[in-house]
N, C-alpha and C. Protein backbone atom coordinates (compact mmCIF):
# COMPACT_ATOMS: atom_id res chain seq x y z
N UNK A 1 84.52 109.03 45.79
CA UNK A 1 84.75 108.89 47.16
C UNK A 1 84.70 110.42 47.47
N UNK A 2 84.55 111.41 46.88
CA UNK A 2 84.00 113.13 46.88
C UNK A 2 84.08 113.20 48.23
N UNK A 3 83.32 114.03 48.84
CA UNK A 3 83.07 114.50 50.30
C UNK A 3 82.74 113.56 51.32
N UNK A 4 82.53 112.20 50.91
CA UNK A 4 82.39 111.39 52.17
C UNK A 4 83.55 111.31 52.61
N UNK A 5 84.67 110.60 51.67
CA UNK A 5 86.04 110.05 51.75
C UNK A 5 86.72 111.14 52.62
N UNK A 6 86.69 112.32 52.40
CA UNK A 6 87.09 113.53 53.29
C UNK A 6 87.09 113.55 54.82
N UNK A 7 85.20 113.52 54.76
CA UNK A 7 84.90 113.64 56.22
C UNK A 7 85.47 112.14 56.45
N UNK A 8 85.58 110.97 56.23
CA UNK A 8 85.71 110.31 57.21
C UNK A 8 87.12 110.20 57.96
N UNK A 9 88.01 110.59 56.51
CA UNK A 9 89.43 110.80 57.07
C UNK A 9 89.75 111.73 57.99
N UNK A 10 88.80 112.93 58.06
CA UNK A 10 88.99 113.89 59.22
C UNK A 10 88.44 113.27 60.39
N UNK A 11 87.74 112.60 60.85
CA UNK A 11 86.83 112.13 61.46
C UNK A 11 87.85 111.18 62.10
N UNK A 12 88.41 110.48 61.19
CA UNK A 12 89.79 109.28 61.60
C UNK A 12 90.83 110.04 62.29
N UNK A 13 91.42 111.41 61.85
CA UNK A 13 92.39 111.93 62.72
C UNK A 13 92.30 112.73 63.40
N UNK A 14 90.70 113.11 63.87
CA UNK A 14 89.96 113.88 64.83
C UNK A 14 89.90 112.56 66.10
N UNK A 15 89.75 111.80 65.78
CA UNK A 15 89.43 110.42 66.75
C UNK A 15 91.17 110.27 67.29
N UNK A 16 92.00 110.07 66.31
CA UNK A 16 93.28 109.67 66.71
C UNK A 16 94.09 110.61 67.53
N UNK A 17 93.81 112.17 67.08
CA UNK A 17 94.30 113.33 68.10
C UNK A 17 93.56 113.44 69.54
N UNK A 18 92.45 113.02 69.46
CA UNK A 18 91.80 112.92 71.18
C UNK A 18 92.12 111.83 71.67
N UNK A 19 92.63 110.67 70.99
CA UNK A 19 92.92 109.47 71.56
C UNK A 19 94.33 109.54 72.44
N UNK A 20 95.15 110.60 71.43
CA UNK A 20 96.33 110.62 72.07
C UNK A 20 96.25 111.79 73.18
N UNK A 21 95.73 112.76 73.31
CA UNK A 21 95.59 113.72 73.91
C UNK A 21 95.28 113.40 75.33
N UNK A 22 94.29 112.22 75.25
CA UNK A 22 93.33 111.85 76.49
C UNK A 22 94.40 110.87 76.90
N UNK A 23 95.00 109.91 76.24
CA UNK A 23 96.03 108.88 77.10
C UNK A 23 97.47 109.82 77.59
N UNK A 24 97.90 110.88 76.84
CA UNK A 24 98.98 111.82 77.63
C UNK A 24 98.47 112.28 78.73
N UNK A 25 97.18 112.41 78.87
CA UNK A 25 96.78 113.19 80.25
C UNK A 25 96.37 111.99 81.40
N UNK A 26 95.92 111.02 80.55
CA UNK A 26 95.72 110.04 81.85
C UNK A 26 97.22 109.62 82.05
N UNK A 27 98.33 109.00 81.51
CA UNK A 27 99.44 109.20 81.64
C UNK A 27 100.26 110.01 82.83
N UNK A 28 100.14 111.44 82.27
CA UNK A 28 100.63 112.51 83.45
C UNK A 28 100.14 112.14 84.86
N UNK A 29 98.81 111.76 84.79
CA UNK A 29 97.77 111.79 86.18
C UNK A 29 98.63 110.74 86.86
N UNK A 30 98.54 109.69 86.11
CA UNK A 30 99.27 108.65 86.76
C UNK A 30 100.53 108.62 87.68
N UNK A 31 101.41 109.27 86.39
CA UNK A 31 102.60 109.29 86.89
C UNK A 31 102.80 110.68 88.20
N UNK A 32 102.01 111.34 87.93
CA UNK A 32 102.00 112.30 89.44
C UNK A 32 101.88 111.76 90.67
N UNK A 33 100.84 110.99 90.44
CA UNK A 33 100.16 110.45 91.83
C UNK A 33 101.40 109.53 92.08
N UNK A 34 101.65 108.48 91.22
CA UNK A 34 103.05 107.77 91.78
C UNK A 34 104.25 108.41 92.33
N UNK A 35 104.65 109.71 91.54
CA UNK A 35 105.99 109.95 92.15
C UNK A 35 105.39 111.00 93.45
N UNK A 36 104.25 111.36 93.63
CA UNK A 36 103.69 112.17 94.63
C UNK A 36 103.53 111.26 95.92
N UNK A 37 103.00 110.26 95.68
CA UNK A 37 102.99 109.25 96.56
C UNK A 37 104.33 108.76 97.15
N UNK A 38 104.94 108.65 96.50
CA UNK A 38 106.28 108.11 96.86
C UNK A 38 107.16 109.01 97.77
N UNK A 39 107.11 110.36 96.78
CA UNK A 39 107.49 111.53 98.25
C UNK A 39 106.98 111.56 99.26
N UNK A 40 105.75 111.91 99.42
CA UNK A 40 104.86 111.87 100.87
C UNK A 40 105.23 110.32 101.57
N UNK A 41 105.26 109.35 100.95
CA UNK A 41 105.81 108.34 101.97
C UNK A 41 106.96 108.56 102.57
N UNK A 42 108.43 108.88 101.64
CA UNK A 42 109.48 109.33 102.18
C UNK A 42 109.07 110.14 103.27
N UNK A 43 108.36 111.17 103.13
CA UNK A 43 108.38 112.22 104.22
C UNK A 43 108.06 112.07 105.34
N UNK A 44 106.85 111.19 104.81
CA UNK A 44 106.33 110.57 106.41
C UNK A 44 106.89 109.73 107.15
N UNK A 45 107.82 108.94 106.41
CA UNK A 45 108.44 107.79 107.45
C UNK A 45 109.61 108.90 107.85
N UNK A 46 110.50 109.95 107.11
CA UNK A 46 111.43 110.55 107.53
C UNK A 46 110.98 111.40 108.92
N UNK A 47 109.55 111.78 108.87
CA UNK A 47 109.09 112.62 109.90
C UNK A 47 108.84 111.83 110.93
N UNK A 48 108.48 110.51 110.62
CA UNK A 48 108.11 109.25 112.13
C UNK A 48 109.67 109.33 112.51
N UNK A 49 110.66 108.77 111.91
CA UNK A 49 111.86 108.85 112.65
C UNK A 49 112.16 109.89 113.12
N UNK A 50 112.35 111.28 112.91
CA UNK A 50 112.41 112.46 113.37
C UNK A 50 111.73 112.44 114.56
N UNK A 51 110.56 112.40 114.41
CA UNK A 51 109.83 112.51 115.82
C UNK A 51 109.88 111.43 117.17
N UNK A 52 110.41 110.05 116.52
CA UNK A 52 110.78 109.35 117.81
C UNK A 52 111.96 109.76 118.26
N UNK A 53 112.94 110.26 117.38
CA UNK A 53 114.23 110.77 117.95
C UNK A 53 114.11 111.80 119.18
N UNK A 54 112.68 112.71 118.66
CA UNK A 54 112.78 113.92 119.12
C UNK A 54 112.11 113.54 120.60
N UNK A 55 111.23 112.48 120.51
CA UNK A 55 110.51 112.40 121.91
C UNK A 55 111.85 111.68 122.99
N UNK A 56 112.73 110.93 122.11
CA UNK A 56 113.62 110.25 123.03
C UNK A 56 114.56 111.14 123.84
N UNK A 57 115.02 112.17 122.98
CA UNK A 57 115.77 113.20 123.43
C UNK A 57 115.05 114.05 124.76
N UNK A 58 113.90 114.12 124.32
CA UNK A 58 112.98 114.89 125.38
C UNK A 58 112.93 114.42 126.47
N UNK A 59 112.43 113.04 126.65
CA UNK A 59 112.35 112.41 127.68
C UNK A 59 113.77 112.19 128.45
N UNK A 60 114.98 112.15 127.86
CA UNK A 60 116.26 112.11 128.57
C UNK A 60 116.85 110.76 127.98
N UNK A 61 116.13 110.00 127.23
CA UNK A 61 116.50 108.57 127.13
C UNK A 61 116.95 108.73 125.68
N UNK A 62 118.13 108.30 125.66
CA UNK A 62 118.75 107.98 124.25
C UNK A 62 118.85 106.66 123.76
N UNK A 63 119.03 106.08 122.90
CA UNK A 63 119.24 104.74 122.63
C UNK A 63 120.47 103.83 123.37
N UNK A 64 120.13 103.15 123.83
CA UNK A 64 121.39 102.66 124.42
C UNK A 64 121.59 101.00 123.92
N UNK A 65 122.69 100.69 123.66
CA UNK A 65 123.02 99.53 123.35
C UNK A 65 123.24 98.42 124.41
N UNK A 66 122.59 97.26 124.39
CA UNK A 66 122.82 96.69 125.91
C UNK A 66 123.00 95.02 125.47
N UNK A 67 124.26 94.64 126.14
CA UNK A 67 124.91 93.53 125.51
C UNK A 67 123.84 92.49 125.53
């Protein structure tokens, strides 16, 4: 098995390391996009609610509960 067996083992180790690094990179990207998307959605929703309240107070109309 001499040098060829050692070369194959190194190839397997290198392949394993590259696969691990690549999968961690992809996982980090997916996680970041998921969290960032949730944060942006929450900020946009909050901004929309605040914008509606500002428009209503600027126009002099406040929410009124009518029976």
